[in-house]
N, C-alpha and C. Protein backbone atom coordinates (compact mmCIF):
# COMPACT_ATOMS: atom_id res chain seq x y z
N UNK A 1 -10.95 -7.92 -6.42
CA UNK A 1 -11.37 -7.07 -5.30
C UNK A 1 -12.70 -7.58 -4.76
N UNK A 2 -12.78 -7.78 -3.44
CA UNK A 2 -14.03 -8.15 -2.81
C UNK A 2 -14.57 -6.94 -2.08
N UNK A 3 -15.90 -6.74 -2.12
CA UNK A 3 -16.46 -5.52 -1.54
C UNK A 3 -17.92 -5.68 -1.22
N UNK A 4 -18.43 -4.73 -0.42
CA UNK A 4 -19.86 -4.55 -0.25
C UNK A 4 -20.19 -3.19 -0.84
N UNK A 5 -21.28 -3.10 -1.59
CA UNK A 5 -21.61 -1.88 -2.31
C UNK A 5 -22.75 -1.13 -1.62
N UNK A 6 -22.49 0.09 -1.26
CA UNK A 6 -23.51 0.98 -0.71
C UNK A 6 -23.01 2.40 -0.96
N UNK A 7 -23.79 3.21 -1.65
CA UNK A 7 -23.30 4.53 -2.04
C UNK A 7 -23.14 5.42 -0.82
N UNK A 8 -21.97 6.04 -0.71
CA UNK A 8 -21.67 6.97 0.37
C UNK A 8 -21.02 8.20 -0.26
N UNK A 9 -20.71 9.17 0.55
CA UNK A 9 -19.96 10.32 0.06
C UNK A 9 -18.83 10.61 1.01
N UNK A 10 -17.81 11.29 0.49
CA UNK A 10 -16.78 11.82 1.36
C UNK A 10 -15.45 11.13 1.30
N UNK A 11 -15.01 10.63 2.45
CA UNK A 11 -13.63 10.24 2.62
C UNK A 11 -13.46 8.72 2.66
N UNK A 12 -12.34 8.27 2.13
CA UNK A 12 -11.98 6.85 2.21
C UNK A 12 -10.62 6.73 2.87
N UNK A 13 -10.47 5.70 3.69
CA UNK A 13 -9.20 5.36 4.31
C UNK A 13 -8.66 4.12 3.60
N UNK A 14 -7.45 4.24 3.05
CA UNK A 14 -6.77 3.11 2.41
C UNK A 14 -5.74 2.57 3.40
N UNK A 15 -5.91 1.32 3.79
CA UNK A 15 -5.00 0.66 4.73
C UNK A 15 -4.12 -0.27 3.93
N UNK A 16 -2.86 0.12 3.78
CA UNK A 16 -1.97 -0.53 2.82
C UNK A 16 -1.14 -1.64 3.46
N UNK A 17 -1.39 -2.86 3.04
CA UNK A 17 -0.48 -4.00 3.24
C UNK A 17 -0.06 -4.22 4.70
N UNK A 18 -1.01 -4.19 5.62
CA UNK A 18 -0.67 -4.53 7.01
C UNK A 18 -0.69 -6.06 7.12
N UNK A 19 0.38 -6.65 6.62
CA UNK A 19 0.50 -8.09 6.50
C UNK A 19 1.70 -8.59 7.30
N UNK A 20 1.65 -9.86 7.67
CA UNK A 20 2.68 -10.41 8.54
C UNK A 20 4.09 -10.26 7.99
N UNK A 21 4.26 -10.42 6.68
CA UNK A 21 5.61 -10.35 6.11
C UNK A 21 6.20 -8.95 6.16
N UNK A 22 5.37 -7.92 6.32
CA UNK A 22 5.87 -6.56 6.38
C UNK A 22 6.04 -6.06 7.82
N UNK A 23 5.78 -6.92 8.79
CA UNK A 23 5.88 -6.56 10.20
C UNK A 23 7.05 -7.31 10.84
N UNK A 24 7.50 -6.88 12.02
CA UNK A 24 8.65 -7.55 12.66
C UNK A 24 8.50 -9.06 12.67
N UNK A 25 9.58 -9.73 12.26
CA UNK A 25 9.57 -11.18 12.16
C UNK A 25 9.20 -11.69 10.78
N UNK A 26 8.73 -10.79 9.91
CA UNK A 26 8.32 -11.18 8.56
C UNK A 26 9.47 -11.18 7.58
N UNK A 27 9.19 -11.67 6.39
CA UNK A 27 10.23 -11.84 5.36
C UNK A 27 10.77 -10.51 4.85
N UNK A 28 9.94 -9.46 4.85
CA UNK A 28 10.36 -8.14 4.39
C UNK A 28 9.87 -7.12 5.42
N UNK A 29 10.38 -7.28 6.62
CA UNK A 29 9.87 -6.51 7.76
C UNK A 29 10.22 -5.03 7.63
N UNK A 30 9.21 -4.19 7.79
CA UNK A 30 9.39 -2.74 7.87
C UNK A 30 9.63 -2.41 9.34
N UNK A 31 10.71 -1.68 9.67
CA UNK A 31 10.96 -1.35 11.07
C UNK A 31 9.74 -0.73 11.74
N UNK A 32 9.35 -1.30 12.87
CA UNK A 32 8.19 -0.84 13.65
C UNK A 32 6.88 -0.93 12.87
N UNK A 33 6.83 -1.80 11.86
CA UNK A 33 5.63 -1.89 11.05
C UNK A 33 4.39 -2.22 11.85
N UNK A 34 4.55 -2.99 12.91
CA UNK A 34 3.40 -3.36 13.74
C UNK A 34 2.80 -2.18 14.49
N UNK A 35 3.56 -1.11 14.64
CA UNK A 35 3.08 0.03 15.43
C UNK A 35 2.03 0.88 14.71
N UNK A 36 1.84 0.63 13.42
CA UNK A 36 0.79 1.37 12.72
C UNK A 36 -0.60 0.82 13.06
N UNK A 37 -0.67 -0.43 13.52
CA UNK A 37 -1.96 -1.09 13.67
C UNK A 37 -2.89 -0.37 14.65
N UNK A 38 -2.46 -0.05 15.87
CA UNK A 38 -3.40 0.65 16.77
C UNK A 38 -3.84 2.01 16.26
N UNK A 39 -2.97 2.71 15.54
CA UNK A 39 -3.35 4.01 14.98
C UNK A 39 -4.41 3.83 13.91
N UNK A 40 -4.19 2.86 13.02
CA UNK A 40 -5.18 2.58 11.97
C UNK A 40 -6.50 2.15 12.58
N UNK A 41 -6.47 1.30 13.59
CA UNK A 41 -7.72 0.85 14.22
C UNK A 41 -8.51 2.02 14.79
N UNK A 42 -7.81 3.03 15.31
CA UNK A 42 -8.52 4.21 15.85
C UNK A 42 -9.08 5.09 14.73
N UNK A 43 -8.38 5.11 13.61
CA UNK A 43 -8.81 5.97 12.50
C UNK A 43 -10.04 5.43 11.78
N UNK A 44 -10.16 4.14 11.64
CA UNK A 44 -11.17 3.56 10.75
C UNK A 44 -12.59 4.03 11.02
N UNK A 45 -13.04 4.15 12.28
CA UNK A 45 -14.42 4.57 12.50
C UNK A 45 -14.73 5.99 12.04
N UNK A 46 -13.71 6.78 11.73
CA UNK A 46 -13.91 8.16 11.29
C UNK A 46 -14.17 8.29 9.79
N UNK A 47 -14.18 7.17 9.07
CA UNK A 47 -14.26 7.23 7.61
C UNK A 47 -15.50 6.54 7.07
N UNK A 48 -16.01 7.09 5.97
CA UNK A 48 -17.17 6.51 5.30
C UNK A 48 -16.84 5.17 4.66
N UNK A 49 -15.64 5.05 4.12
CA UNK A 49 -15.21 3.85 3.41
C UNK A 49 -13.81 3.49 3.89
N UNK A 50 -13.59 2.20 4.20
CA UNK A 50 -12.27 1.70 4.53
C UNK A 50 -11.95 0.56 3.55
N UNK A 51 -10.79 0.68 2.89
CA UNK A 51 -10.32 -0.35 1.96
C UNK A 51 -8.97 -0.85 2.45
N UNK A 52 -8.81 -2.16 2.53
CA UNK A 52 -7.52 -2.76 2.88
C UNK A 52 -6.88 -3.32 1.62
N UNK A 53 -5.58 -3.15 1.48
CA UNK A 53 -4.87 -3.72 0.34
C UNK A 53 -3.98 -4.86 0.82
N UNK A 54 -3.75 -5.79 -0.09
CA UNK A 54 -3.02 -7.01 0.25
C UNK A 54 -2.08 -7.38 -0.89
N UNK A 55 -0.77 -7.33 -0.62
CA UNK A 55 0.21 -7.84 -1.56
C UNK A 55 -0.04 -9.34 -1.69
N UNK A 56 -0.11 -9.87 -2.94
CA UNK A 56 -0.58 -11.24 -3.12
C UNK A 56 0.16 -11.86 -4.31
N UNK A 57 1.44 -12.17 -4.06
CA UNK A 57 2.33 -12.62 -5.13
C UNK A 57 2.22 -14.12 -5.38
N UNK A 58 2.24 -14.52 -6.64
CA UNK A 58 2.38 -15.95 -6.93
C UNK A 58 3.80 -16.41 -6.62
N UNK A 59 4.01 -17.69 -6.35
CA UNK A 59 5.37 -18.19 -6.16
C UNK A 59 6.23 -17.87 -7.38
N UNK A 60 7.50 -17.54 -7.11
CA UNK A 60 8.42 -17.25 -8.21
C UNK A 60 8.20 -15.91 -8.87
N UNK A 61 7.55 -14.98 -8.18
CA UNK A 61 7.32 -13.65 -8.76
C UNK A 61 8.65 -13.03 -9.18
N UNK A 62 8.65 -12.33 -10.32
CA UNK A 62 9.89 -11.80 -10.87
C UNK A 62 10.45 -10.60 -10.09
N UNK A 63 9.73 -10.12 -9.09
CA UNK A 63 10.30 -9.10 -8.21
C UNK A 63 11.13 -9.71 -7.09
N UNK A 64 11.14 -11.04 -7.00
CA UNK A 64 11.93 -11.73 -5.97
C UNK A 64 13.35 -11.94 -6.46
N UNK A 65 14.33 -11.63 -5.61
CA UNK A 65 15.73 -11.86 -5.98
C UNK A 65 15.97 -13.33 -6.31
N UNK A 66 15.25 -14.22 -5.64
CA UNK A 66 15.44 -15.66 -5.86
C UNK A 66 15.05 -16.10 -7.27
N UNK A 67 14.30 -15.26 -7.98
CA UNK A 67 13.89 -15.59 -9.35
C UNK A 67 14.96 -15.23 -10.38
N UNK A 68 16.08 -14.64 -9.92
CA UNK A 68 17.13 -14.17 -10.83
C UNK A 68 18.48 -14.69 -10.35
N UNK A 69 18.92 -15.84 -10.83
CA UNK A 69 20.20 -16.40 -10.41
C UNK A 69 21.34 -15.38 -10.55
N UNK A 70 22.15 -15.31 -9.50
CA UNK A 70 23.27 -14.37 -9.51
C UNK A 70 22.94 -13.01 -8.95
N UNK A 71 21.65 -12.73 -8.75
CA UNK A 71 21.24 -11.46 -8.17
C UNK A 71 21.01 -11.61 -6.68
N UNK A 72 21.12 -10.49 -5.96
CA UNK A 72 20.90 -10.51 -4.52
C UNK A 72 19.80 -9.51 -4.16
N UNK A 73 19.28 -9.66 -2.96
CA UNK A 73 18.24 -8.77 -2.46
C UNK A 73 18.72 -7.32 -2.51
N UNK A 74 17.83 -6.43 -2.97
CA UNK A 74 18.05 -4.99 -3.13
C UNK A 74 18.83 -4.63 -4.40
N UNK A 75 19.23 -5.62 -5.19
CA UNK A 75 19.71 -5.29 -6.53
C UNK A 75 18.56 -4.63 -7.31
N UNK A 76 18.89 -3.89 -8.35
CA UNK A 76 17.86 -3.33 -9.23
C UNK A 76 18.05 -3.86 -10.64
N UNK A 77 16.94 -4.13 -11.31
CA UNK A 77 16.95 -4.60 -12.68
C UNK A 77 15.84 -3.88 -13.44
N UNK A 78 15.80 -4.08 -14.74
CA UNK A 78 14.65 -3.65 -15.54
C UNK A 78 13.70 -4.83 -15.65
N UNK A 79 12.47 -4.63 -15.21
CA UNK A 79 11.45 -5.67 -15.24
C UNK A 79 10.26 -5.16 -16.04
N UNK A 80 10.05 -5.77 -17.20
CA UNK A 80 8.96 -5.34 -18.08
C UNK A 80 9.06 -3.85 -18.39
N UNK A 81 10.32 -3.37 -18.53
CA UNK A 81 10.56 -1.98 -18.89
C UNK A 81 10.55 -1.01 -17.72
N UNK A 82 10.42 -1.52 -16.51
CA UNK A 82 10.34 -0.67 -15.32
C UNK A 82 11.47 -1.03 -14.37
N UNK A 83 12.12 -0.01 -13.78
CA UNK A 83 13.17 -0.28 -12.79
C UNK A 83 12.56 -0.98 -11.58
N UNK A 84 13.13 -2.09 -11.20
CA UNK A 84 12.58 -2.92 -10.14
C UNK A 84 13.65 -3.24 -9.10
N UNK A 85 13.38 -2.94 -7.83
CA UNK A 85 14.20 -3.44 -6.74
C UNK A 85 13.85 -4.90 -6.51
N UNK A 86 14.85 -5.72 -6.29
CA UNK A 86 14.62 -7.14 -6.04
C UNK A 86 14.48 -7.37 -4.53
N UNK A 87 13.41 -8.04 -4.15
CA UNK A 87 13.04 -8.22 -2.75
C UNK A 87 13.20 -9.68 -2.32
N UNK A 88 13.28 -9.92 -1.03
CA UNK A 88 13.15 -11.31 -0.58
C UNK A 88 11.75 -11.84 -0.92
N UNK A 89 11.62 -13.14 -1.01
CA UNK A 89 10.29 -13.73 -1.21
C UNK A 89 9.36 -13.27 -0.10
N UNK A 90 8.21 -12.71 -0.47
CA UNK A 90 7.30 -12.19 0.55
C UNK A 90 5.87 -12.21 0.03
N UNK A 91 4.93 -12.27 0.98
CA UNK A 91 3.49 -12.18 0.68
C UNK A 91 3.10 -13.12 -0.45
N UNK A 92 3.59 -14.35 -0.38
CA UNK A 92 3.24 -15.36 -1.38
C UNK A 92 1.82 -15.85 -1.10
N UNK A 93 1.04 -15.94 -2.14
CA UNK A 93 -0.38 -16.27 -2.03
C UNK A 93 -0.61 -17.49 -1.14
N UNK A 94 -1.51 -17.33 -0.18
CA UNK A 94 -1.91 -18.45 0.67
C UNK A 94 -1.00 -18.73 1.84
N UNK A 95 0.12 -18.00 1.96
CA UNK A 95 1.03 -18.25 3.08
C UNK A 95 0.66 -17.39 4.28
N UNK A 96 1.18 -17.78 5.43
CA UNK A 96 0.92 -17.01 6.65
C UNK A 96 1.48 -15.60 6.52
N UNK A 97 2.61 -15.45 5.83
CA UNK A 97 3.20 -14.13 5.67
C UNK A 97 2.33 -13.17 4.90
N UNK A 98 1.46 -13.70 4.03
CA UNK A 98 0.58 -12.84 3.22
C UNK A 98 -0.68 -12.44 3.96
N UNK A 99 -0.94 -13.04 5.10
CA UNK A 99 -2.18 -12.75 5.83
C UNK A 99 -2.09 -11.40 6.55
N UNK A 100 -3.24 -10.79 6.78
CA UNK A 100 -3.29 -9.56 7.56
C UNK A 100 -2.90 -9.83 9.01
N UNK A 101 -2.33 -8.83 9.64
CA UNK A 101 -2.04 -8.92 11.07
C UNK A 101 -3.32 -9.23 11.84
N UNK A 102 -3.20 -10.11 12.81
CA UNK A 102 -4.39 -10.50 13.58
C UNK A 102 -4.95 -9.35 14.41
N UNK A 103 -4.10 -8.39 14.79
CA UNK A 103 -4.59 -7.27 15.60
C UNK A 103 -5.15 -6.13 14.75
N UNK A 104 -5.12 -6.27 13.43
CA UNK A 104 -5.76 -5.30 12.54
C UNK A 104 -7.25 -5.63 12.51
N UNK A 105 -8.07 -4.69 12.96
CA UNK A 105 -9.51 -4.90 13.08
C UNK A 105 -10.17 -4.77 11.71
N UNK A 106 -10.62 -5.89 11.16
CA UNK A 106 -11.17 -5.92 9.81
C UNK A 106 -12.67 -5.61 9.76
N UNK A 107 -13.30 -5.38 10.89
CA UNK A 107 -14.76 -5.29 10.91
C UNK A 107 -15.30 -4.14 10.06
N UNK A 108 -14.55 -3.04 9.96
CA UNK A 108 -15.03 -1.88 9.21
C UNK A 108 -14.51 -1.83 7.77
N UNK A 109 -13.79 -2.85 7.35
CA UNK A 109 -13.24 -2.88 5.99
C UNK A 109 -14.34 -3.24 5.00
N UNK A 110 -14.59 -2.36 4.04
CA UNK A 110 -15.62 -2.58 3.02
C UNK A 110 -15.10 -3.39 1.85
N UNK A 111 -13.83 -3.28 1.53
CA UNK A 111 -13.28 -3.97 0.36
C UNK A 111 -11.83 -4.33 0.62
N UNK A 112 -11.40 -5.44 0.02
CA UNK A 112 -10.00 -5.85 0.03
C UNK A 112 -9.50 -5.87 -1.41
N UNK A 113 -8.44 -5.14 -1.67
CA UNK A 113 -7.84 -5.07 -3.01
C UNK A 113 -6.52 -5.83 -2.97
N UNK A 114 -6.41 -6.85 -3.81
CA UNK A 114 -5.16 -7.60 -3.92
C UNK A 114 -4.36 -7.10 -5.11
N UNK A 115 -3.04 -7.07 -4.95
CA UNK A 115 -2.17 -6.53 -5.98
C UNK A 115 -0.90 -7.37 -6.08
N UNK A 116 -0.15 -7.16 -7.16
CA UNK A 116 1.09 -7.90 -7.36
C UNK A 116 0.86 -9.34 -7.79
N UNK A 117 -0.29 -9.62 -8.39
CA UNK A 117 -0.63 -10.99 -8.77
C UNK A 117 -0.06 -11.41 -10.13
N UNK A 118 0.27 -10.43 -10.98
CA UNK A 118 0.90 -10.74 -12.26
C UNK A 118 2.35 -11.13 -11.99
N UNK A 119 2.78 -12.34 -12.33
CA UNK A 119 4.13 -12.78 -11.99
C UNK A 119 5.23 -12.00 -12.68
N UNK A 120 4.86 -11.20 -13.71
CA UNK A 120 5.88 -10.51 -14.51
C UNK A 120 6.14 -9.08 -14.08
N UNK A 121 5.26 -8.51 -13.25
CA UNK A 121 5.41 -7.09 -12.91
C UNK A 121 4.91 -6.85 -11.49
N UNK A 122 5.62 -6.00 -10.77
CA UNK A 122 5.24 -5.70 -9.39
C UNK A 122 4.13 -4.65 -9.39
N UNK A 123 3.55 -4.44 -8.23
CA UNK A 123 2.49 -3.44 -8.09
C UNK A 123 2.61 -2.80 -6.72
N UNK A 124 3.34 -1.68 -6.65
CA UNK A 124 3.43 -0.95 -5.39
C UNK A 124 2.11 -0.24 -5.10
N UNK A 125 1.58 0.43 -6.10
CA UNK A 125 0.34 1.18 -5.93
C UNK A 125 -0.85 0.24 -5.83
N UNK A 126 -1.81 0.62 -5.02
CA UNK A 126 -3.03 -0.16 -4.92
C UNK A 126 -4.03 0.17 -6.04
N UNK A 127 -3.67 1.11 -6.91
CA UNK A 127 -4.53 1.47 -8.03
C UNK A 127 -4.17 0.75 -9.33
N UNK A 128 -2.88 0.43 -9.54
CA UNK A 128 -2.46 -0.19 -10.79
C UNK A 128 -1.05 -0.73 -10.64
N UNK A 129 -0.62 -1.51 -11.65
CA UNK A 129 0.71 -2.11 -11.58
C UNK A 129 1.78 -1.06 -11.90
N UNK A 130 3.03 -1.45 -11.68
CA UNK A 130 4.14 -0.51 -11.84
C UNK A 130 4.35 -0.06 -13.28
N UNK A 131 3.90 -0.87 -14.24
CA UNK A 131 4.03 -0.50 -15.65
C UNK A 131 2.83 0.31 -16.15
N UNK A 132 1.85 0.54 -15.27
CA UNK A 132 0.64 1.30 -15.61
C UNK A 132 -0.14 0.67 -16.76
N UNK A 133 -0.16 -0.66 -16.77
CA UNK A 133 -0.86 -1.38 -17.84
C UNK A 133 -2.15 -2.03 -17.37
N UNK A 134 -2.27 -2.29 -16.07
CA UNK A 134 -3.46 -2.97 -15.55
C UNK A 134 -3.94 -2.27 -14.28
N UNK A 135 -5.23 -2.03 -14.20
CA UNK A 135 -5.84 -1.38 -13.04
C UNK A 135 -6.36 -2.43 -12.07
N UNK A 136 -6.40 -2.07 -10.79
CA UNK A 136 -6.98 -2.96 -9.78
C UNK A 136 -8.49 -2.78 -9.66
N UNK A 137 -9.02 -1.68 -10.18
CA UNK A 137 -10.44 -1.36 -10.04
C UNK A 137 -10.75 -0.47 -8.87
N UNK A 138 -9.73 -0.12 -8.06
CA UNK A 138 -9.99 0.67 -6.87
C UNK A 138 -10.51 2.07 -7.19
N UNK A 139 -9.92 2.73 -8.17
CA UNK A 139 -10.35 4.10 -8.49
C UNK A 139 -11.82 4.12 -8.88
N UNK A 140 -12.22 3.20 -9.74
CA UNK A 140 -13.62 3.16 -10.14
C UNK A 140 -14.54 2.84 -8.98
N UNK A 141 -14.13 1.94 -8.12
CA UNK A 141 -14.93 1.58 -6.95
C UNK A 141 -15.15 2.80 -6.05
N UNK A 142 -14.07 3.52 -5.75
CA UNK A 142 -14.20 4.70 -4.89
C UNK A 142 -15.08 5.77 -5.52
N UNK A 143 -14.89 5.99 -6.82
CA UNK A 143 -15.71 7.01 -7.49
C UNK A 143 -17.18 6.61 -7.52
N UNK A 144 -17.45 5.31 -7.64
CA UNK A 144 -18.84 4.85 -7.65
C UNK A 144 -19.53 5.11 -6.31
N UNK A 145 -18.74 5.24 -5.25
CA UNK A 145 -19.27 5.52 -3.93
C UNK A 145 -19.30 7.01 -3.60
N UNK A 146 -18.82 7.82 -4.52
CA UNK A 146 -18.80 9.26 -4.29
C UNK A 146 -17.64 9.75 -3.47
N UNK A 147 -16.61 8.94 -3.35
CA UNK A 147 -15.43 9.33 -2.57
C UNK A 147 -14.64 10.39 -3.33
N UNK A 148 -14.23 11.42 -2.62
CA UNK A 148 -13.40 12.48 -3.20
C UNK A 148 -12.03 12.59 -2.53
N UNK A 149 -11.96 12.22 -1.25
CA UNK A 149 -10.73 12.39 -0.47
C UNK A 149 -10.22 11.01 -0.03
N UNK A 150 -8.96 10.73 -0.35
CA UNK A 150 -8.35 9.44 -0.03
C UNK A 150 -7.23 9.65 0.98
N UNK A 151 -7.36 9.01 2.13
CA UNK A 151 -6.35 9.07 3.19
C UNK A 151 -5.60 7.74 3.20
N UNK A 152 -4.26 7.82 3.19
CA UNK A 152 -3.44 6.63 3.04
C UNK A 152 -2.66 6.32 4.30
N UNK A 153 -2.69 5.04 4.68
CA UNK A 153 -1.97 4.56 5.86
C UNK A 153 -1.30 3.24 5.51
N UNK A 154 -0.49 2.72 6.43
CA UNK A 154 0.02 1.37 6.27
C UNK A 154 1.49 1.30 5.92
N UNK A 155 1.86 0.27 5.12
CA UNK A 155 3.24 -0.09 4.87
C UNK A 155 3.50 -0.28 3.38
N UNK A 156 4.61 0.16 2.91
CA UNK A 156 5.59 1.00 3.58
C UNK A 156 5.46 2.42 3.05
N UNK A 157 5.77 3.39 3.90
CA UNK A 157 5.58 4.79 3.56
C UNK A 157 6.16 5.16 2.21
N UNK A 158 7.40 4.72 1.98
CA UNK A 158 8.16 5.18 0.82
C UNK A 158 7.99 4.30 -0.41
N UNK A 159 7.16 3.29 -0.32
CA UNK A 159 6.88 2.45 -1.49
C UNK A 159 5.38 2.40 -1.75
N UNK A 160 4.68 1.45 -1.18
CA UNK A 160 3.28 1.27 -1.56
C UNK A 160 2.39 2.44 -1.15
N UNK A 161 2.65 3.05 -0.01
CA UNK A 161 1.84 4.21 0.39
C UNK A 161 2.11 5.39 -0.54
N UNK A 162 3.37 5.68 -0.77
CA UNK A 162 3.75 6.80 -1.64
C UNK A 162 3.20 6.64 -3.06
N UNK A 163 3.40 5.48 -3.67
CA UNK A 163 2.95 5.30 -5.05
C UNK A 163 1.43 5.26 -5.13
N UNK A 164 0.77 4.74 -4.11
CA UNK A 164 -0.69 4.81 -4.08
C UNK A 164 -1.15 6.25 -3.99
N UNK A 165 -0.43 7.06 -3.22
CA UNK A 165 -0.78 8.47 -3.10
C UNK A 165 -0.65 9.21 -4.42
N UNK A 166 0.45 8.96 -5.14
CA UNK A 166 0.63 9.60 -6.44
C UNK A 166 -0.48 9.21 -7.40
N UNK A 167 -0.84 7.92 -7.40
CA UNK A 167 -1.90 7.48 -8.30
C UNK A 167 -3.25 8.05 -7.89
N UNK A 168 -3.49 8.17 -6.60
CA UNK A 168 -4.75 8.78 -6.15
C UNK A 168 -4.88 10.19 -6.71
N UNK A 169 -3.78 10.96 -6.66
CA UNK A 169 -3.79 12.30 -7.24
C UNK A 169 -4.07 12.25 -8.74
N UNK A 170 -3.41 11.33 -9.42
CA UNK A 170 -3.57 11.25 -10.87
C UNK A 170 -4.99 10.85 -11.27
N UNK A 171 -5.63 10.06 -10.42
CA UNK A 171 -7.00 9.64 -10.72
C UNK A 171 -8.04 10.66 -10.24
N UNK A 172 -7.58 11.81 -9.77
CA UNK A 172 -8.48 12.91 -9.47
C UNK A 172 -8.97 13.02 -8.05
N UNK A 173 -8.37 12.27 -7.13
CA UNK A 173 -8.75 12.37 -5.72
C UNK A 173 -7.88 13.39 -4.99
N UNK A 174 -8.39 13.95 -3.91
CA UNK A 174 -7.55 14.63 -2.95
C UNK A 174 -6.85 13.53 -2.15
N UNK A 175 -5.53 13.58 -2.09
CA UNK A 175 -4.77 12.49 -1.46
C UNK A 175 -4.02 13.01 -0.25
N UNK A 176 -4.14 12.29 0.86
CA UNK A 176 -3.54 12.68 2.12
C UNK A 176 -2.86 11.47 2.73
N UNK A 177 -1.59 11.57 3.08
CA UNK A 177 -0.89 10.51 3.80
C UNK A 177 -0.90 10.83 5.29
N UNK A 178 -1.40 9.90 6.08
CA UNK A 178 -1.41 10.04 7.55
C UNK A 178 -0.10 9.44 8.03
N UNK A 179 0.90 10.27 8.17
CA UNK A 179 2.27 9.78 8.21
C UNK A 179 2.58 8.96 9.46
N UNK A 180 1.97 9.26 10.61
CA UNK A 180 2.24 8.47 11.80
C UNK A 180 1.46 7.16 11.82
N UNK A 181 0.61 6.95 10.81
CA UNK A 181 -0.07 5.67 10.62
C UNK A 181 0.62 4.88 9.51
N UNK A 182 1.88 5.24 9.22
CA UNK A 182 2.71 4.53 8.26
C UNK A 182 4.09 4.29 8.88
N UNK A 183 4.82 3.37 8.30
CA UNK A 183 6.25 3.20 8.58
C UNK A 183 6.93 2.88 7.27
N UNK A 184 8.22 3.29 7.17
CA UNK A 184 8.91 3.14 5.91
C UNK A 184 10.15 2.27 5.99
N UNK A 185 10.63 1.88 4.81
CA UNK A 185 11.87 1.13 4.69
C UNK A 185 13.07 2.08 4.65
N UNK A 186 12.86 3.24 4.05
CA UNK A 186 13.91 4.26 3.87
C UNK A 186 15.13 3.67 3.17
N UNK A 187 14.86 2.98 2.05
CA UNK A 187 15.94 2.44 1.22
C UNK A 187 15.79 2.98 -0.19
N UNK A 188 16.84 3.65 -0.70
CA UNK A 188 18.08 4.02 -0.01
C UNK A 188 17.85 5.08 1.05
N UNK A 189 18.80 5.22 1.95
CA UNK A 189 18.66 6.13 3.09
C UNK A 189 18.31 7.54 2.61
N UNK A 190 17.31 8.13 3.25
CA UNK A 190 16.86 9.47 2.91
C UNK A 190 15.72 9.50 1.92
N UNK A 191 15.39 8.34 1.35
CA UNK A 191 14.37 8.33 0.30
C UNK A 191 12.98 8.61 0.85
N UNK A 192 12.74 8.26 2.10
CA UNK A 192 11.40 8.47 2.64
C UNK A 192 11.06 9.96 2.71
N UNK A 193 11.98 10.75 3.23
CA UNK A 193 11.75 12.18 3.31
C UNK A 193 11.61 12.79 1.92
N UNK A 194 12.46 12.36 1.00
CA UNK A 194 12.39 12.87 -0.37
C UNK A 194 11.03 12.56 -1.00
N UNK A 195 10.53 11.37 -0.76
CA UNK A 195 9.26 10.99 -1.37
C UNK A 195 8.08 11.74 -0.75
N UNK A 196 8.14 12.01 0.54
CA UNK A 196 7.07 12.79 1.16
C UNK A 196 7.08 14.22 0.61
N UNK A 197 8.26 14.78 0.42
CA UNK A 197 8.35 16.12 -0.15
C UNK A 197 7.85 16.13 -1.60
N UNK A 198 8.19 15.10 -2.35
CA UNK A 198 7.72 14.99 -3.73
C UNK A 198 6.20 14.87 -3.77
N UNK A 199 5.64 14.07 -2.89
CA UNK A 199 4.19 13.90 -2.81
C UNK A 199 3.50 15.24 -2.56
N UNK A 200 4.05 16.04 -1.65
CA UNK A 200 3.46 17.35 -1.37
C UNK A 200 3.62 18.30 -2.55
N UNK A 201 4.77 18.27 -3.21
CA UNK A 201 4.97 19.13 -4.39
C UNK A 201 3.95 18.83 -5.47
N UNK A 202 3.53 17.59 -5.57
CA UNK A 202 2.59 17.18 -6.61
C UNK A 202 1.13 17.37 -6.21
N UNK A 203 0.91 17.96 -5.04
CA UNK A 203 -0.45 18.30 -4.65
C UNK A 203 -1.03 17.50 -3.51
N UNK A 204 -0.28 16.54 -2.98
CA UNK A 204 -0.75 15.77 -1.84
C UNK A 204 -0.52 16.50 -0.52
N UNK A 205 -1.11 15.97 0.52
CA UNK A 205 -0.91 16.50 1.87
C UNK A 205 -0.38 15.40 2.78
N UNK A 206 0.44 15.79 3.75
CA UNK A 206 0.94 14.88 4.76
C UNK A 206 0.47 15.40 6.12
N UNK A 207 -0.27 14.56 6.85
CA UNK A 207 -0.85 14.99 8.13
C UNK A 207 -0.54 13.96 9.20
N UNK A 208 -0.83 14.34 10.45
CA UNK A 208 -0.75 13.43 11.59
C UNK A 208 -2.14 12.94 11.95
N UNK A 209 -2.21 11.78 12.55
CA UNK A 209 -3.51 11.20 12.90
C UNK A 209 -4.29 12.09 13.87
N UNK A 210 -3.61 12.86 14.71
CA UNK A 210 -4.32 13.70 15.69
C UNK A 210 -5.15 14.77 15.00
N UNK A 211 -4.77 15.12 13.75
CA UNK A 211 -5.56 16.10 13.01
C UNK A 211 -6.90 15.52 12.57
N UNK A 212 -7.00 14.21 12.56
CA UNK A 212 -8.26 13.54 12.21
C UNK A 212 -9.02 13.13 13.46
N UNK A 213 -8.30 12.62 14.43
CA UNK A 213 -8.93 12.10 15.64
C UNK A 213 -9.34 13.20 16.61
N UNK A 214 -8.66 14.36 16.50
CA UNK A 214 -8.98 15.47 17.40
C UNK A 214 -8.32 15.33 18.75
């Protein structure tokens, strides 16, 4: 994680994986993924802390279908004891697909958290890997700044945003998903709505950006 340290209080905006491979034309494109960018750009000045997350897989990551002969994209397997959906190769370290969208304004980003770097286990959440064995350091960083409320945006609603939200709650933050500043894969169909309802049942909130922007 790269960051600038200055103690603040209040709210943090987590901008999840606004990378070329998750936007139209990318290897794992989220429908309308590019449309979150202008909303996120408008939101950032309203927050004390802005953190961007970046999927950053080594070549041959075991979450890639290509790493498992005979398997196809969207198959599920057990990976390091965790149920894993197999994805197309995406966000490989150093590739253009792993880079942030050029129209995403990075000027207000205080820290960049990279995840998914362990070749053996995926990391949907920006707080820790899917097996809950390794932390990214984000929770400690936010707490060191006095952050209490975490607002989540980016891609994809039903995977990295959702799991980051659950972990934010578990680590003791108030967690809020700004749903119109996200887009989802909705695989399997209907899962996005189910996950938003689950997030709210567990104590999270789902809001629209207009509730923040006024």
